[in-house]
C-alpha atoms as a PDB file:
ATOM      1  CA  MET A   1      44.856 243.983  28.001  1.00  0.00           C
ATOM      2  CA  SER A   2      48.319 245.242  27.342  1.00  0.00           C
ATOM      3  CA  THR A   3      51.481 243.204  27.559  1.00  0.00           C
ATOM      4  CA  SER A   4      52.580 245.234  30.562  1.00  0.00           C
ATOM      5  CA  SER A   5      49.286 244.308  32.369  1.00  0.00           C
ATOM      6  CA  MET A   6      49.861 240.621  31.595  1.00  0.00           C
ATOM      7  CA  GLY A   7      53.430 240.934  32.827  1.00  0.00           C
ATOM      8  CA  ALA A   8      51.986 242.065  36.177  1.00  0.00           C
ATOM      9  CA  LEU A   9      50.345 238.714  36.448  1.00  0.00           C
ATOM     10  CA  ALA A  10      53.662 236.964  36.744  1.00  0.00           C
ATOM     11  CA  MET A  11      53.149 234.591  39.605  1.00  0.00           C
ATOM     12  CA  GLU A  12      55.594 235.139  42.481  1.00  0.00           C
ATOM     13  CA  LEU A  13      54.879 233.353  45.685  1.00  0.00           C
ATOM     14  CA  PRO A  14      54.163 235.680  48.594  1.00  0.00           C
ATOM     15  CA  ASP A  15      56.626 235.145  51.389  1.00  0.00           C
ATOM     16  CA  ASP A  16      54.013 233.295  53.605  1.00  0.00           C
ATOM     17  CA  LEU A  17      53.067 231.012  50.690  1.00  0.00           C
ATOM     18  CA  ALA A  18      56.656 230.299  49.845  1.00  0.00           C
ATOM     19  CA  ARG A  19      57.523 229.540  53.492  1.00  0.00           C
ATOM     20  CA  ARG A  20      54.426 227.240  53.920  1.00  0.00           C
ATOM     21  CA  PHE A  21      55.335 225.400  50.730  1.00  0.00           C
ATOM     22  CA  ASP A  22      59.013 224.942  51.737  1.00  0.00           C
ATOM     23  CA  THR A  23      58.015 223.592  55.168  1.00  0.00           C
ATOM     24  CA  ALA A  24      55.428 221.239  53.778  1.00  0.00           C
ATOM     25  CA  HIS A  25      57.722 220.088  50.995  1.00  0.00           C
ATOM     26  CA  ARG A  26      60.572 219.350  53.493  1.00  0.00           C
ATOM     27  CA  VAL A  27      58.187 217.164  55.636  1.00  0.00           C
ATOM     28  CA  LEU A  28      56.913 215.404  52.555  1.00  0.00           C
ATOM     29  CA  ALA A  29      60.496 214.504  51.694  1.00  0.00           C
ATOM     30  CA  GLU A  30      61.077 213.170  55.123  1.00  0.00           C
ATOM     31  CA  VAL A  31      57.902 211.058  54.937  1.00  0.00           C
ATOM     32  CA  ARG A  32      58.890 209.649  51.496  1.00  0.00           C
ATOM     33  CA  ALA A  33      62.396 208.768  52.870  1.00  0.00           C
ATOM     34  CA  THR A  34      60.843 206.830  55.759  1.00  0.00           C
ATOM     35  CA  PRO A  35      60.910 203.015  55.357  1.00  0.00           C
ATOM     36  CA  PRO A  36      57.442 201.452  55.219  1.00  0.00           C
ATOM     37  CA  TYR A  37      57.717 199.582  58.437  1.00  0.00           C
ATOM     38  CA  LEU A  38      58.411 202.880  60.296  1.00  0.00           C
ATOM     39  CA  MET A  39      55.705 204.817  58.530  1.00  0.00           C
ATOM     40  CA  THR A  40      53.178 204.828  61.426  1.00  0.00           C
ATOM     41  CA  ARG A  41      55.705 206.406  63.630  1.00  0.00           C
ATOM     42  CA  ALA A  42      56.717 208.851  61.007  1.00  0.00           C
ATOM     43  CA  LEU A  43      53.241 210.114  60.397  1.00  0.00           C
ATOM     44  CA  ASP A  44      52.834 211.922  63.766  1.00  0.00           C
ATOM     45  CA  GLU A  45      50.433 214.795  64.055  1.00  0.00           C
ATOM     46  CA  THR A  46      52.955 217.435  63.129  1.00  0.00           C
ATOM     47  CA  ARG A  47      53.816 215.700  59.908  1.00  0.00           C
ATOM     48  CA  LEU A  48      50.277 214.979  58.993  1.00  0.00           C
ATOM     49  CA  ASN A  49      49.456 218.697  59.555  1.00  0.00           C
ATOM     50  CA  ALA A  50      52.367 219.626  57.388  1.00  0.00           C
ATOM     51  CA  LEU A  51      51.124 217.380  54.578  1.00  0.00           C
ATOM     52  CA  ALA A  52      47.637 218.908  54.914  1.00  0.00           C
ATOM     53  CA  GLU A  53      49.330 222.264  54.633  1.00  0.00           C
ATOM     54  CA  LEU A  54      51.101 221.157  51.431  1.00  0.00           C
ATOM     55  CA  SER A  55      47.748 220.207  49.970  1.00  0.00           C
ATOM     56  CA  THR A  56      46.264 223.651  50.856  1.00  0.00           C
ATOM     57  CA  VAL A  57      49.330 225.465  49.352  1.00  0.00           C
ATOM     58  CA  CYS A  58      49.008 223.354  46.129  1.00  0.00           C
ATOM     59  CA  SER A  59      45.356 224.331  46.017  1.00  0.00           C
ATOM     60  CA  ASP A  60      46.242 228.092  46.463  1.00  0.00           C
ATOM     61  CA  LEU A  61      48.735 227.863  43.709  1.00  0.00           C
ATOM     62  CA  SER A  62      46.261 226.114  41.404  1.00  0.00           C
ATOM     63  CA  ASP A  63      43.726 228.890  42.098  1.00  0.00           C
ATOM     64  CA  ARG A  64      46.275 231.571  41.248  1.00  0.00           C
ATOM     65  CA  ALA A  65      47.315 229.793  38.059  1.00  0.00           C
ATOM     66  CA  THR A  66      43.685 229.290  36.993  1.00  0.00           C
ATOM     67  CA  GLY A  67      42.975 232.919  37.542  1.00  0.00           C
ATOM     68  CA  ALA A  68      46.001 234.113  35.624  1.00  0.00           C
ATOM     69  CA  LEU A  69      45.134 231.696  32.736  1.00  0.00           C
ATOM     70  CA  ALA A  70      41.563 232.998  32.536  1.00  0.00           C
ATOM     71  CA  ILE A  71      42.856 236.603  32.404  1.00  0.00           C
ATOM     72  CA  MET A  72      45.304 235.702  29.657  1.00  0.00           C
ATOM     73  CA  LEU A  73      42.728 233.818  27.683  1.00  0.00           C
ATOM     74  CA  ASP A  74      40.399 236.905  27.907  1.00  0.00           C
ATOM     75  CA  ALA A  75      43.301 239.104  26.629  1.00  0.00           C
ATOM     76  CA  ALA A  76      43.973 236.655  23.810  1.00  0.00           C
ATOM     77  CA  ALA A  77      40.257 236.560  22.873  1.00  0.00           C
ATOM     78  CA  GLU A  78      40.208 240.349  22.795  1.00  0.00           C
ATOM     79  CA  HIS A  79      43.406 240.459  20.808  1.00  0.00           C
ATOM     80  CA  PHE A  80      42.219 237.972  18.176  1.00  0.00           C
ATOM     81  CA  GLY A  81      38.593 239.250  18.120  1.00  0.00           C
ATOM     82  CA  ALA A  82      37.262 235.871  19.143  1.00  0.00           C
ATOM     83  CA  THR A  83      35.153 234.779  22.095  1.00  0.00           C
ATOM     84  CA  TYR A  84      36.623 232.845  24.970  1.00  0.00           C
ATOM     85  CA  THR A  85      34.488 229.858  23.843  1.00  0.00           C
ATOM     86  CA  GLU A  86      35.895 229.963  20.379  1.00  0.00           C
ATOM     87  CA  LEU A  87      39.456 230.033  21.678  1.00  0.00           C
ATOM     88  CA  LEU A  88      38.807 227.088  23.863  1.00  0.00           C
ATOM     89  CA  GLU A  89      37.300 225.141  20.935  1.00  0.00           C
ATOM     90  CA  VAL A  90      40.434 225.851  18.878  1.00  0.00           C
ATOM     91  CA  TYR A  91      42.626 224.779  21.817  1.00  0.00           C
ATOM     92  CA  GLU A  92      40.690 221.572  22.264  1.00  0.00           C
ATOM     93  CA  GLU A  93      40.940 220.800  18.494  1.00  0.00           C
ATOM     94  CA  ASP A  94      44.689 221.307  18.638  1.00  0.00           C
ATOM     95  CA  ALA A  95      44.963 219.088  21.674  1.00  0.00           C
ATOM     96  CA  GLU A  96      43.020 216.351  19.882  1.00  0.00           C
ATOM     97  CA  LEU A  97      45.273 216.568  16.871  1.00  0.00           C
ATOM     98  CA  ASP A  98      48.417 216.452  19.037  1.00  0.00           C
ATOM     99  CA  GLU A  99      47.026 213.195  20.556  1.00  0.00           C
ATOM    100  CA  GLU A 100      46.575 211.580  17.173  1.00  0.00           C
END
């Protein structure tokens, strides 16, 4: 895969996803700012739905990032003449060395 193809993978949030994230994030901030003794009143249905939406948006973002990572790993494997599994093994070995 060429560099220009990988550049096309740059993740930009579509307007609807960005709007959903902003709304849910704002509600989460409101809930976090609520004192514990008022929490049951603060967690009304609208806010609970917004928090569920935030979870959905985060899941969507995770799926997009995972897809982009898989494409980049395939491109790297092709570039280095290695298999995807071989690249993962090298990555895991590097991660283990970093932990030590």
